[in-house]
Amino acid sequence: MKIKFIDRKTGKIITETPPGEGYLKLLYNNPFGKMALLPLVKRKFLSSWYGKLMNKPSSINKINSFVRELQIDMNEAERPSEDYISFNDFFYRKLKSDARPIEEGFVSPGDGKMLAFKNISDIHNFFIKGRKFTLEEFLGNKELATKHKDDSLIILRLAPNDYHRYHFPYDGTPSEVTKIKGRYFSVSPYALAANFTKVFCENKREYCTLKTHDKGDIIIAPVGATMVGSIIETYTPNTEVKKGDEMGYFAFGGSTIVLLVNSSKITIDEDILTNTKNRMETFVKMGERIGN
């Protein structure tokens, strides 16, 4: 299985080789891997242990090779590589204020590869393996699930080389965060293809409701994954925010942000929907328009 996505700016199809690709294939495509390793990596202690390693001063030795191998543009970062005190400090680095222009309309909350579904029910035609995805199981709230049952759903997958802070996609007032304990399955396409529902309904996750003046309520749900030691919120609940304001960040690892938006008030851009129907992710950056 090759991981391919469309670079929205150039229209080119790019093949992604994520860190640990062979390891992910072993976990999700190999019966021995599933039996022997998957029960281990999905447990909290492994991700927490690795997260602690990435906080140690000695972990700075990993930064330069990581930047070089994954071709990360450090000209966008507020600080140069040598200014970080740990690998995690570098990993959730801030960018310069002009690195991500905030465009008109409804924008992406972060950098990453995006899938979008006009209606939640469309997911079942895309991820056909495993048990059926339900919003009630994902949110852990029957009343909220009923309210958003006809929403559009957006999945933004952050690879380890992506910018790992996430932001509000629209003006509004965010609620307190609801935290849901869970495991740490990978969010790689290998894992999603094997069992989408298991990844999103069993992983550690949290969500808030962004109340807007003209687009209804928007659910923003960061989801943890293998080797993500923590999800850190940096906003103040019940205080008005502007589109592009920071919401939080992920510590080391891959991760995902799920958005639920009112399909009668927000129209997702057609190219992203079409790419999804063609089973292709679309690479977008934080602040880039993804709907209106």
C-alpha atoms as a PDB file:
ATOM      1  CA  MET A   1       0.000   0.000   0.000  1.00  0.00           C
ATOM      2  CA  LYS A   2       1.511   3.303  -1.108  1.00  0.00           C
ATOM      3  CA  ILE A   3       0.393   6.470   0.638  1.00  0.00           C
ATOM      4  CA  LYS A   4      -0.360   9.075  -2.004  1.00  0.00           C
ATOM      5  CA  PHE A   5      -1.847  12.541  -1.682  1.00  0.00           C
ATOM      6  CA  ILE A   6      -2.484  15.577  -3.869  1.00  0.00           C
ATOM      7  CA  ASP A   7      -0.520  18.749  -3.255  1.00  0.00           C
ATOM      8  CA  ARG A   8      -3.307  21.293  -3.582  1.00  0.00           C
ATOM      9  CA  LYS A   9      -1.034  24.160  -4.636  1.00  0.00           C
ATOM     10  CA  THR A  10       0.632  22.297  -7.512  1.00  0.00           C
ATOM     11  CA  GLY A  11      -1.972  19.637  -8.318  1.00  0.00           C
ATOM     12  CA  LYS A  12       0.778  16.993  -8.292  1.00  0.00           C
ATOM     13  CA  ILE A  13       0.327  13.519  -6.841  1.00  0.00           C
ATOM     14  CA  ILE A  14       3.007  12.854  -4.222  1.00  0.00           C
ATOM     15  CA  THR A  15       3.990   9.522  -2.678  1.00  0.00           C
ATOM     16  CA  GLU A  16       4.531   9.803   1.056  1.00  0.00           C
ATOM     17  CA  THR A  17       7.108   7.697   2.851  1.00  0.00           C
ATOM     18  CA  PRO A  18       6.330   8.218   6.512  1.00  0.00           C
ATOM     19  CA  PRO A  19       8.897   7.580   9.243  1.00  0.00           C
ATOM     20  CA  GLY A  20       8.586   3.935  10.303  1.00  0.00           C
ATOM     21  CA  GLU A  21       6.771   2.855   7.130  1.00  0.00           C
ATOM     22  CA  GLY A  22       7.993  -0.735   7.364  1.00  0.00           C
ATOM     23  CA  TYR A  23       6.985  -0.844  11.022  1.00  0.00           C
ATOM     24  CA  LEU A  24       3.448   0.299  10.176  1.00  0.00           C
ATOM     25  CA  LYS A  25       3.134  -2.337   7.446  1.00  0.00           C
ATOM     26  CA  LEU A  26       4.163  -4.979   9.957  1.00  0.00           C
ATOM     27  CA  LEU A  27       1.590  -3.777  12.478  1.00  0.00           C
ATOM     28  CA  TYR A  28      -1.402  -3.501  10.176  1.00  0.00           C
ATOM     29  CA  ASN A  29      -0.795  -5.788   7.186  1.00  0.00           C
ATOM     30  CA  ASN A  30       1.016  -8.708   8.781  1.00  0.00           C
ATOM     31  CA  PRO A  31      -0.832 -11.243  10.996  1.00  0.00           C
ATOM     32  CA  PHE A  32       2.224 -11.719  13.231  1.00  0.00           C
ATOM     33  CA  GLY A  33       2.528  -7.973  13.702  1.00  0.00           C
ATOM     34  CA  LYS A  34      -1.107  -7.703  14.727  1.00  0.00           C
ATOM     35  CA  MET A  35      -0.754 -10.492  17.286  1.00  0.00           C
ATOM     36  CA  ALA A  36       2.600  -9.611  18.781  1.00  0.00           C
ATOM     37  CA  LEU A  37       3.153  -5.856  18.477  1.00  0.00           C
ATOM     38  CA  LEU A  38      -0.179  -4.070  18.101  1.00  0.00           C
ATOM     39  CA  PRO A  39      -1.344  -4.795  21.690  1.00  0.00           C
ATOM     40  CA  LEU A  40       1.900  -3.215  22.893  1.00  0.00           C
ATOM     41  CA  VAL A  41       2.045  -0.017  20.825  1.00  0.00           C
ATOM     42  CA  LYS A  42      -1.567   0.941  21.446  1.00  0.00           C
ATOM     43  CA  ARG A  43      -1.001   1.122  25.195  1.00  0.00           C
ATOM     44  CA  LYS A  44      -0.498   4.457  26.901  1.00  0.00           C
ATOM     45  CA  PHE A  45       2.735   3.568  28.664  1.00  0.00           C
ATOM     46  CA  LEU A  46       4.724   3.172  25.441  1.00  0.00           C
ATOM     47  CA  SER A  47       3.672   6.555  24.049  1.00  0.00           C
ATOM     48  CA  SER A  48       4.190   8.209  27.431  1.00  0.00           C
ATOM     49  CA  TRP A  49       7.624   6.601  27.799  1.00  0.00           C
ATOM     50  CA  TYR A  50       8.720   7.731  24.354  1.00  0.00           C
ATOM     51  CA  GLY A  51       7.267  11.187  24.953  1.00  0.00           C
ATOM     52  CA  LYS A  52       9.435  11.509  28.082  1.00  0.00           C
ATOM     53  CA  LEU A  53      12.509  10.528  26.062  1.00  0.00           C
ATOM     54  CA  MET A  54      11.725  13.293  23.581  1.00  0.00           C
ATOM     55  CA  ASN A  55      11.644  15.808  26.461  1.00  0.00           C
ATOM     56  CA  LYS A  56      15.198  15.003  27.591  1.00  0.00           C
ATOM     57  CA  PRO A  57      17.981  17.479  26.669  1.00  0.00           C
ATOM     58  CA  SER A  58      19.899  14.674  24.913  1.00  0.00           C
ATOM     59  CA  SER A  59      17.037  14.326  22.406  1.00  0.00           C
ATOM     60  CA  ILE A  60      18.215  17.499  20.625  1.00  0.00           C
ATOM     61  CA  ASN A  61      20.669  15.247  18.787  1.00  0.00           C
ATOM     62  CA  LYS A  62      17.736  13.972  16.703  1.00  0.00           C
ATOM     63  CA  ILE A  63      16.671  17.393  15.426  1.00  0.00           C
ATOM     64  CA  ASN A  64      19.095  18.049  12.564  1.00  0.00           C
ATOM     65  CA  SER A  65      18.738  14.603  10.983  1.00  0.00           C
ATOM     66  CA  PHE A  66      14.940  14.846  11.311  1.00  0.00           C
ATOM     67  CA  VAL A  67      14.937  18.248   9.581  1.00  0.00           C
ATOM     68  CA  ARG A  68      17.267  17.031   6.844  1.00  0.00           C
ATOM     69  CA  GLU A  69      15.582  13.688   6.120  1.00  0.00           C
ATOM     70  CA  LEU A  70      12.041  15.092   6.089  1.00  0.00           C
ATOM     71  CA  GLN A  71      13.012  18.333   4.336  1.00  0.00           C
ATOM     72  CA  ILE A  72      11.447  20.631   6.920  1.00  0.00           C
ATOM     73  CA  ASP A  73      11.652  24.340   6.066  1.00  0.00           C
ATOM     74  CA  MET A  74      13.130  25.910   9.179  1.00  0.00           C
ATOM     75  CA  ASN A  75      12.895  29.378   7.601  1.00  0.00           C
ATOM     76  CA  GLU A  76       9.243  29.282   8.668  1.00  0.00           C
ATOM     77  CA  ALA A  77      10.043  28.640  12.329  1.00  0.00           C
ATOM     78  CA  GLU A  78      10.368  31.379  14.955  1.00  0.00           C
ATOM     79  CA  ARG A  79      13.642  29.873  16.187  1.00  0.00           C
ATOM     80  CA  PRO A  80      16.545  28.105  14.439  1.00  0.00           C
ATOM     81  CA  SER A  81      17.263  24.405  15.074  1.00  0.00           C
ATOM     82  CA  GLU A  82      20.007  25.068  17.616  1.00  0.00           C
ATOM     83  CA  ASP A  83      17.724  27.095  19.922  1.00  0.00           C
ATOM     84  CA  TYR A  84      15.549  24.178  21.115  1.00  0.00           C
ATOM     85  CA  ILE A  85      16.130  22.468  24.457  1.00  0.00           C
ATOM     86  CA  SER A  86      14.610  19.080  23.507  1.00  0.00           C
ATOM     87  CA  PHE A  87      13.224  17.273  20.481  1.00  0.00           C
ATOM     88  CA  ASN A  88       9.657  17.905  21.665  1.00  0.00           C
ATOM     89  CA  ASP A  89      10.420  21.601  22.094  1.00  0.00           C
ATOM     90  CA  PHE A  90      11.376  21.565  18.408  1.00  0.00           C
ATOM     91  CA  PHE A  91       8.522  19.257  17.387  1.00  0.00           C
ATOM     92  CA  TYR A  92       5.743  21.609  18.501  1.00  0.00           C
ATOM     93  CA  ARG A  93       7.684  24.667  17.381  1.00  0.00           C
ATOM     94  CA  LYS A  94       5.871  27.911  16.606  1.00  0.00           C
ATOM     95  CA  LEU A  95       6.036  29.474  13.165  1.00  0.00           C
ATOM     96  CA  LYS A  96       6.674  33.082  12.194  1.00  0.00           C
ATOM     97  CA  SER A  97       3.520  35.213  12.144  1.00  0.00           C
ATOM     98  CA  ASP A  98       3.548  35.518   8.353  1.00  0.00           C
ATOM     99  CA  ALA A  99       4.292  31.838   7.617  1.00  0.00           C
ATOM    100  CA  ARG A 100       0.609  30.872   7.412  1.00  0.00           C
ATOM    101  CA  PRO A 101      -1.628  33.612   5.943  1.00  0.00           C
ATOM    102  CA  ILE A 102      -5.245  33.320   7.093  1.00  0.00           C
ATOM    103  CA  GLU A 103      -7.463  33.240   4.010  1.00  0.00           C
ATOM    104  CA  GLU A 104     -11.138  34.144   3.516  1.00  0.00           C
ATOM    105  CA  GLY A 105     -13.884  31.656   4.350  1.00  0.00           C
ATOM    106  CA  PHE A 106     -13.640  28.529   6.489  1.00  0.00           C
ATOM    107  CA  VAL A 107      -9.984  27.500   6.876  1.00  0.00           C
ATOM    108  CA  SER A 108      -7.889  24.477   7.767  1.00  0.00           C
ATOM    109  CA  PRO A 109      -6.996  24.270  11.472  1.00  0.00           C
ATOM    110  CA  GLY A 110      -3.540  22.902  10.685  1.00  0.00           C
ATOM    111  CA  ASP A 111      -1.044  21.525   8.184  1.00  0.00           C
ATOM    112  CA  GLY A 112      -1.710  18.006   6.939  1.00  0.00           C
ATOM    113  CA  LYS A 113      -3.474  15.656   4.568  1.00  0.00           C
ATOM    114  CA  MET A 114      -7.233  16.089   4.412  1.00  0.00           C
ATOM    115  CA  LEU A 115     -10.243  13.904   3.695  1.00  0.00           C
ATOM    116  CA  ALA A 116     -13.723  15.470   3.643  1.00  0.00           C
ATOM    117  CA  PHE A 117     -17.198  13.974   3.546  1.00  0.00           C
ATOM    118  CA  LYS A 118     -20.260  16.049   2.701  1.00  0.00           C
ATOM    119  CA  ASN A 119     -22.306  13.879   5.052  1.00  0.00           C
ATOM    120  CA  ILE A 120     -21.081  11.635   7.852  1.00  0.00           C
ATOM    121  CA  SER A 121     -22.885   8.691   6.265  1.00  0.00           C
ATOM    122  CA  ASP A 122     -20.467   8.886   3.302  1.00  0.00           C
ATOM    123  CA  ILE A 123     -17.699   7.510   5.530  1.00  0.00           C
ATOM    124  CA  HIS A 124     -19.138   4.011   5.312  1.00  0.00           C
ATOM    125  CA  ASN A 125     -18.561   3.905   1.560  1.00  0.00           C
ATOM    126  CA  PHE A 126     -14.939   4.945   2.044  1.00  0.00           C
ATOM    127  CA  PHE A 127     -13.800   2.909   5.059  1.00  0.00           C
ATOM    128  CA  ILE A 128     -15.597  -0.365   4.420  1.00  0.00           C
ATOM    129  CA  LYS A 129     -13.628  -2.618   6.798  1.00  0.00           C
ATOM    130  CA  GLY A 130     -14.331  -3.169  10.470  1.00  0.00           C
ATOM    131  CA  ARG A 131     -17.278  -2.093  12.563  1.00  0.00           C
ATOM    132  CA  LYS A 132     -19.554   0.789  11.635  1.00  0.00           C
ATOM    133  CA  PHE A 133     -18.505   4.274  12.733  1.00  0.00           C
ATOM    134  CA  THR A 134     -21.041   6.079  14.914  1.00  0.00           C
ATOM    135  CA  LEU A 135     -20.883   9.667  16.073  1.00  0.00           C
ATOM    136  CA  GLU A 136     -22.271   8.677  19.463  1.00  0.00           C
ATOM    137  CA  GLU A 137     -19.325   6.351  20.053  1.00  0.00           C
ATOM    138  CA  PHE A 138     -16.824   8.952  18.825  1.00  0.00           C
ATOM    139  CA  LEU A 139     -18.193  11.801  20.976  1.00  0.00           C
ATOM    140  CA  GLY A 140     -19.400   9.690  23.895  1.00  0.00           C
ATOM    141  CA  ASN A 141     -22.525  11.849  23.955  1.00  0.00           C
ATOM    142  CA  LYS A 142     -25.843  10.708  22.499  1.00  0.00           C
ATOM    143  CA  GLU A 143     -27.510  14.141  22.548  1.00  0.00           C
ATOM    144  CA  LEU A 144     -24.578  15.841  20.812  1.00  0.00           C
ATOM    145  CA  ALA A 145     -24.349  13.019  18.271  1.00  0.00           C
ATOM    146  CA  THR A 146     -28.022  13.444  17.377  1.00  0.00           C
ATOM    147  CA  LYS A 147     -27.566  17.192  16.938  1.00  0.00           C
ATOM    148  CA  HIS A 148     -24.655  16.699  14.500  1.00  0.00           C
ATOM    149  CA  LYS A 149     -25.850  13.525  12.729  1.00  0.00           C
ATOM    150  CA  ASP A 150     -26.203  15.244   9.333  1.00  0.00           C
ATOM    151  CA  ASP A 151     -22.981  17.260   9.558  1.00  0.00           C
ATOM    152  CA  SER A 152     -20.099  17.240   7.122  1.00  0.00           C
ATOM    153  CA  LEU A 153     -16.986  15.569   8.524  1.00  0.00           C
ATOM    154  CA  ILE A 154     -13.377  16.608   7.874  1.00  0.00           C
ATOM    155  CA  ILE A 155     -10.301  14.593   8.845  1.00  0.00           C
ATOM    156  CA  LEU A 156      -6.909  16.336   8.920  1.00  0.00           C
ATOM    157  CA  ARG A 157      -4.017  13.884   9.344  1.00  0.00           C
ATOM    158  CA  LEU A 158      -0.747  15.294  10.658  1.00  0.00           C
ATOM    159  CA  ALA A 159       2.385  13.323   9.784  1.00  0.00           C
ATOM    160  CA  PRO A 160       5.439  13.662  12.063  1.00  0.00           C
ATOM    161  CA  ASN A 161       7.066  16.142   9.656  1.00  0.00           C
ATOM    162  CA  ASP A 162       4.049  18.496   9.677  1.00  0.00           C
ATOM    163  CA  TYR A 163       3.632  21.635  11.801  1.00  0.00           C
ATOM    164  CA  HIS A 164       2.024  20.309  14.998  1.00  0.00           C
ATOM    165  CA  ARG A 165       0.126  23.276  16.389  1.00  0.00           C
ATOM    166  CA  TYR A 166      -3.543  23.620  15.506  1.00  0.00           C
ATOM    167  CA  HIS A 167      -5.782  26.660  15.280  1.00  0.00           C
ATOM    168  CA  PHE A 168      -9.405  27.734  15.144  1.00  0.00           C
ATOM    169  CA  PRO A 169     -10.923  27.474  11.637  1.00  0.00           C
ATOM    170  CA  TYR A 170     -13.438  30.284  12.173  1.00  0.00           C
ATOM    171  CA  ASP A 171     -14.374  33.148  14.512  1.00  0.00           C
ATOM    172  CA  GLY A 172     -16.398  32.105  17.534  1.00  0.00           C
ATOM    173  CA  THR A 173     -16.474  31.187  21.202  1.00  0.00           C
ATOM    174  CA  PRO A 174     -15.018  27.783  22.166  1.00  0.00           C
ATOM    175  CA  SER A 175     -16.362  25.671  25.016  1.00  0.00           C
ATOM    176  CA  GLU A 176     -14.410  23.797  27.644  1.00  0.00           C
ATOM    177  CA  VAL A 177     -12.721  20.639  26.381  1.00  0.00           C
ATOM    178  CA  THR A 178     -14.344  17.242  26.890  1.00  0.00           C
ATOM    179  CA  LYS A 179     -11.621  14.616  27.286  1.00  0.00           C
ATOM    180  CA  ILE A 180     -12.099  10.953  26.383  1.00  0.00           C
ATOM    181  CA  LYS A 181      -9.492   8.465  27.559  1.00  0.00           C
ATOM    182  CA  GLY A 182      -8.308   5.925  25.051  1.00  0.00           C
ATOM    183  CA  ARG A 183      -5.539   4.025  23.362  1.00  0.00           C
ATOM    184  CA  TYR A 184      -2.870   5.082  20.882  1.00  0.00           C
ATOM    185  CA  PHE A 185      -3.428   3.395  17.531  1.00  0.00           C
ATOM    186  CA  SER A 186      -1.556   4.929  14.606  1.00  0.00           C
ATOM    187  CA  VAL A 187      -3.493   7.365  12.395  1.00  0.00           C
ATOM    188  CA  SER A 188      -1.485   6.332   9.339  1.00  0.00           C
ATOM    189  CA  PRO A 189      -3.572   5.354   6.291  1.00  0.00           C
ATOM    190  CA  TYR A 190      -2.366   1.805   6.958  1.00  0.00           C
ATOM    191  CA  ALA A 191      -4.241   1.870  10.253  1.00  0.00           C
ATOM    192  CA  LEU A 192      -7.308   3.689   8.915  1.00  0.00           C
ATOM    193  CA  ALA A 193      -7.687   1.256   6.028  1.00  0.00           C
ATOM    194  CA  ALA A 194      -7.484  -1.655   8.466  1.00  0.00           C
ATOM    195  CA  ASN A 195     -10.102  -0.304  10.867  1.00  0.00           C
ATOM    196  CA  PHE A 196     -11.235   3.320  10.760  1.00  0.00           C
ATOM    197  CA  THR A 197     -13.717   3.018  13.619  1.00  0.00           C
ATOM    198  CA  LYS A 198     -11.266   1.347  15.990  1.00  0.00           C
ATOM    199  CA  VAL A 199      -8.767   4.176  15.472  1.00  0.00           C
ATOM    200  CA  PHE A 200     -11.196   7.052  15.985  1.00  0.00           C
ATOM    201  CA  CYS A 201     -13.488   5.567  18.614  1.00  0.00           C
ATOM    202  CA  GLU A 202     -10.839   3.930  20.800  1.00  0.00           C
ATOM    203  CA  ASN A 203      -7.975   6.438  20.641  1.00  0.00           C
ATOM    204  CA  LYS A 204      -7.445   9.159  23.223  1.00  0.00           C
ATOM    205  CA  ARG A 205      -9.305  12.245  22.045  1.00  0.00           C
ATOM    206  CA  GLU A 206     -10.944  15.440  23.186  1.00  0.00           C
ATOM    207  CA  TYR A 207     -13.261  17.985  21.658  1.00  0.00           C
ATOM    208  CA  CYS A 208     -14.731  21.424  22.088  1.00  0.00           C
ATOM    209  CA  THR A 209     -17.700  23.170  20.515  1.00  0.00           C
ATOM    210  CA  LEU A 210     -16.928  26.409  18.695  1.00  0.00           C
ATOM    211  CA  LYS A 211     -20.088  28.544  18.701  1.00  0.00           C
ATOM    212  CA  THR A 212     -20.155  30.899  15.716  1.00  0.00           C
ATOM    213  CA  HIS A 213     -22.402  33.816  14.740  1.00  0.00           C
ATOM    214  CA  ASP A 214     -23.313  32.559  11.270  1.00  0.00           C
ATOM    215  CA  LYS A 215     -22.013  29.000  10.728  1.00  0.00           C
ATOM    216  CA  GLY A 216     -23.660  27.139  13.590  1.00  0.00           C
ATOM    217  CA  ASP A 217     -21.752  25.027  16.100  1.00  0.00           C
ATOM    218  CA  ILE A 218     -18.469  23.477  14.943  1.00  0.00           C
ATOM    219  CA  ILE A 219     -17.000  20.466  16.744  1.00  0.00           C
ATOM    220  CA  ILE A 220     -13.174  20.459  16.831  1.00  0.00           C
ATOM    221  CA  ALA A 221     -11.698  17.154  18.008  1.00  0.00           C
ATOM    222  CA  PRO A 222      -7.932  16.536  18.308  1.00  0.00           C
ATOM    223  CA  VAL A 223      -7.172  12.792  18.316  1.00  0.00           C
ATOM    224  CA  GLY A 224      -3.984  11.280  19.718  1.00  0.00           C
ATOM    225  CA  ALA A 225      -2.036   8.427  18.121  1.00  0.00           C
ATOM    226  CA  THR A 226       0.970   6.150  18.536  1.00  0.00           C
ATOM    227  CA  MET A 227       3.883   8.039  20.108  1.00  0.00           C
ATOM    228  CA  VAL A 228       1.782  11.142  20.854  1.00  0.00           C
ATOM    229  CA  GLY A 229       2.604  11.728  24.493  1.00  0.00           C
ATOM    230  CA  SER A 230       0.059  14.480  25.016  1.00  0.00           C
ATOM    231  CA  ILE A 231      -2.526  16.839  23.553  1.00  0.00           C
ATOM    232  CA  ILE A 232      -2.069  20.336  24.996  1.00  0.00           C
ATOM    233  CA  GLU A 233      -4.764  23.004  24.759  1.00  0.00           C
ATOM    234  CA  THR A 234      -3.505  26.605  24.845  1.00  0.00           C
ATOM    235  CA  TYR A 235      -6.756  28.589  24.460  1.00  0.00           C
ATOM    236  CA  THR A 236      -9.045  30.081  27.121  1.00  0.00           C
ATOM    237  CA  PRO A 237     -12.542  28.485  27.090  1.00  0.00           C
ATOM    238  CA  ASN A 238     -15.647  30.672  26.792  1.00  0.00           C
ATOM    239  CA  THR A 239     -13.578  33.568  25.454  1.00  0.00           C
ATOM    240  CA  GLU A 240     -14.091  34.828  21.904  1.00  0.00           C
ATOM    241  CA  VAL A 241     -11.409  33.793  19.404  1.00  0.00           C
ATOM    242  CA  LYS A 242     -10.517  34.868  15.892  1.00  0.00           C
ATOM    243  CA  LYS A 243      -9.993  32.578  12.935  1.00  0.00           C
ATOM    244  CA  GLY A 244      -6.354  31.450  13.001  1.00  0.00           C
ATOM    245  CA  ASP A 245      -5.890  31.881  16.768  1.00  0.00           C
ATOM    246  CA  GLU A 246      -3.963  28.986  18.306  1.00  0.00           C
ATOM    247  CA  MET A 247      -6.012  26.236  19.964  1.00  0.00           C
ATOM    248  CA  GLY A 248      -3.274  23.817  21.047  1.00  0.00           C
ATOM    249  CA  TYR A 249      -0.524  21.439  19.998  1.00  0.00           C
ATOM    250  CA  PHE A 250       0.489  17.780  19.878  1.00  0.00           C
ATOM    251  CA  ALA A 251       3.683  16.385  21.370  1.00  0.00           C
ATOM    252  CA  PHE A 252       5.797  13.950  19.323  1.00  0.00           C
ATOM    253  CA  GLY A 253       4.090  11.640  16.844  1.00  0.00           C
ATOM    254  CA  GLY A 254       1.387  11.506  14.221  1.00  0.00           C
ATOM    255  CA  SER A 255      -2.048  12.805  15.091  1.00  0.00           C
ATOM    256  CA  THR A 256      -5.382  13.927  13.657  1.00  0.00           C
ATOM    257  CA  ILE A 257      -7.961  16.687  13.946  1.00  0.00           C
ATOM    258  CA  VAL A 258     -11.593  15.880  13.206  1.00  0.00           C
ATOM    259  CA  LEU A 259     -14.063  18.672  12.369  1.00  0.00           C
ATOM    260  CA  LEU A 260     -17.856  18.424  12.317  1.00  0.00           C
ATOM    261  CA  VAL A 261     -19.560  21.313  10.518  1.00  0.00           C
ATOM    262  CA  ASN A 262     -23.172  22.153   9.697  1.00  0.00           C
ATOM    263  CA  SER A 263     -23.557  21.075   6.051  1.00  0.00           C
ATOM    264  CA  SER A 264     -26.295  23.653   5.433  1.00  0.00           C
ATOM    265  CA  LYS A 265     -24.069  26.523   6.601  1.00  0.00           C
ATOM    266  CA  ILE A 266     -20.570  25.485   5.469  1.00  0.00           C
ATOM    267  CA  THR A 267     -19.842  24.172   1.979  1.00  0.00           C
ATOM    268  CA  ILE A 268     -16.574  22.258   1.721  1.00  0.00           C
ATOM    269  CA  ASP A 269     -14.505  23.134  -1.367  1.00  0.00           C
ATOM    270  CA  GLU A 270     -15.333  20.800  -4.238  1.00  0.00           C
ATOM    271  CA  ASP A 271     -11.744  19.807  -5.051  1.00  0.00           C
ATOM    272  CA  ILE A 272     -11.246  18.361  -1.565  1.00  0.00           C
ATOM    273  CA  LEU A 273     -14.543  16.424  -1.780  1.00  0.00           C
ATOM    274  CA  THR A 274     -13.665  15.133  -5.257  1.00  0.00           C
ATOM    275  CA  ASN A 275     -10.178  14.044  -4.192  1.00  0.00           C
ATOM    276  CA  THR A 276     -11.724  12.186  -1.256  1.00  0.00           C
ATOM    277  CA  LYS A 277     -14.192  10.407  -3.545  1.00  0.00           C
ATOM    278  CA  ASN A 278     -11.175   9.365  -5.614  1.00  0.00           C
ATOM    279  CA  ARG A 279      -9.567   8.027  -2.399  1.00  0.00           C
ATOM    280  CA  MET A 280      -6.881  10.673  -2.337  1.00  0.00           C
ATOM    281  CA  GLU A 281      -5.941  12.945   0.542  1.00  0.00           C
ATOM    282  CA  THR A 282      -5.380  16.655  -0.163  1.00  0.00           C
ATOM    283  CA  PHE A 283      -2.399  18.424   1.400  1.00  0.00           C
ATOM    284  CA  VAL A 284      -3.415  21.761   2.950  1.00  0.00           C
ATOM    285  CA  LYS A 285      -1.806  24.245   5.313  1.00  0.00           C
ATOM    286  CA  MET A 286      -3.121  26.034   8.352  1.00  0.00           C
ATOM    287  CA  GLY A 287      -5.137  29.109   7.380  1.00  0.00           C
ATOM    288  CA  GLU A 288      -5.824  27.871   3.857  1.00  0.00           C
ATOM    289  CA  ARG A 289      -9.458  28.106   2.773  1.00  0.00           C
ATOM    290  CA  ILE A 290     -11.188  24.717   2.686  1.00  0.00           C
ATOM    291  CA  GLY A 291     -14.811  25.853   2.539  1.00  0.00           C
ATOM    292  CA  ASN A 292     -17.246  28.734   2.650  1.00  0.00           C
END
